[in-house]
Protein backbone atom coordinates (compact mmCIF):
# COMPACT_ATOMS: atom_id res chain seq x y z
CA UNK A 1 -0.11 0.01 -0.10
CA UNK A 2 1.33 3.43 -0.92
CA UNK A 3 0.55 6.33 1.33
CA UNK A 4 0.53 9.59 -0.54
CA UNK A 5 1.88 12.41 1.52
CA UNK A 6 -0.12 15.68 1.62
CA UNK A 7 1.53 18.92 1.02
CA UNK A 8 0.26 21.95 2.90
CA UNK A 9 -1.74 24.47 1.06
CA UNK A 10 0.41 27.32 -0.28
CA UNK A 11 -0.55 30.65 1.00
CA UNK A 12 -0.14 33.72 -1.07
CA UNK A 13 0.50 37.05 0.83
CA UNK A 14 -0.51 39.42 -1.98
CA UNK A 15 -3.74 40.20 -4.06
CA UNK A 16 -1.86 39.98 -7.41
CA UNK A 17 0.22 37.00 -8.88
CA UNK A 18 2.27 36.68 -11.93
CA UNK A 19 4.11 33.80 -13.77
CA UNK A 20 7.64 33.42 -14.28
CA UNK A 21 6.94 34.03 -18.14
CA UNK A 22 5.11 37.39 -17.19
CA UNK A 23 8.29 38.54 -15.58
CA UNK A 24 10.00 38.83 -18.92
CA UNK A 25 8.12 42.37 -18.93
CA UNK A 26 8.51 43.30 -15.17
CA UNK A 27 7.10 46.99 -15.86
CA UNK A 28 3.79 45.57 -17.12
CA UNK A 29 3.66 43.45 -13.80
CA UNK A 30 4.35 46.53 -11.71
CA UNK A 31 1.78 48.62 -13.61
CA UNK A 32 -0.85 45.98 -13.11
CA UNK A 33 -0.03 45.71 -9.35
CA UNK A 34 -0.86 49.50 -8.91
CA UNK A 35 1.90 49.74 -6.20
CA UNK A 36 1.02 46.48 -4.38
CA UNK A 37 3.19 43.34 -3.83
CA UNK A 38 2.92 40.54 -6.51
CA UNK A 39 3.44 36.77 -5.75
CA UNK A 40 5.60 35.33 -8.39
CA UNK A 41 4.24 31.65 -9.15
CA UNK A 42 6.05 28.69 -10.87
CA UNK A 43 4.18 25.49 -11.38
CA UNK A 44 1.32 26.78 -9.24
CA UNK A 45 3.54 27.52 -6.28
CA UNK A 46 4.79 30.78 -4.86
CA UNK A 47 8.61 31.16 -5.45
CA UNK A 48 8.87 34.84 -4.37
CA UNK A 49 7.46 38.18 -4.32
CA UNK A 50 8.06 41.32 -6.21
CA UNK A 51 7.59 44.33 -3.88
CA UNK A 52 7.42 47.79 -5.73
CA UNK A 53 9.06 50.51 -3.80
CA UNK A 54 5.77 52.26 -3.13
CA UNK A 55 4.75 49.23 -1.11
CA UNK A 56 7.75 49.37 1.37
CA UNK A 57 7.64 51.40 4.55
CA UNK A 58 9.26 55.04 4.38
CA UNK A 59 10.68 54.42 7.65
CA UNK A 60 12.36 51.37 9.28
CA UNK A 61 9.84 49.59 11.65
CA UNK A 62 10.44 50.29 15.28
CA UNK A 63 10.38 47.42 17.84
CA UNK A 64 8.30 47.96 20.83
CA UNK A 65 10.06 48.00 24.19
CA UNK A 66 9.27 45.60 27.04
CA UNK A 67 7.52 48.41 28.98
CA UNK A 68 5.38 49.48 26.06
CA UNK A 69 4.43 45.62 25.71
CA UNK A 70 3.51 45.35 29.23
CA UNK A 71 1.48 48.55 29.08
CA UNK A 72 -0.43 47.28 26.13
CA UNK A 73 -1.00 43.86 27.84
CA UNK A 74 -2.13 45.42 30.95
CA UNK A 75 -4.74 47.76 29.17
CA UNK A 76 -6.17 44.88 27.04
CA UNK A 77 -6.57 42.52 29.88
CA UNK A 78 -10.19 43.49 30.72
CA UNK A 79 -11.08 42.95 27.03
CA UNK A 80 -9.37 39.65 26.62
CA UNK A 81 -9.97 38.10 30.01
CA UNK A 82 -13.20 36.35 29.07
CA UNK A 83 -11.40 34.46 26.17
CA UNK A 84 -8.48 33.53 28.83
CA UNK A 85 -10.96 32.25 31.25
CA UNK A 86 -12.77 30.13 28.50
CA UNK A 87 -9.42 28.68 27.36
CA UNK A 88 -8.17 27.73 30.88
CA UNK A 89 -10.81 24.83 30.81
CA UNK A 90 -9.66 23.43 27.42
């Protein structure tokens, strides 16, 4: 008996996609994307992303400090407490 291995579904983190063949004309791909990232597909699988400069952040993302994280967690406690209580019994 042969057991076929299942592969996980390939997620696409872009609203537009293109094939490797379409990348022969990258400007057309970028124009069609309207400044949004494009998933590059090969054999129905994502092999990479083309990210236009307009879709990149202007500034380097800042990492939250531990104090900021603690403050956020404390401020959200009342809102999430019912979920935490529910999950305790699971």
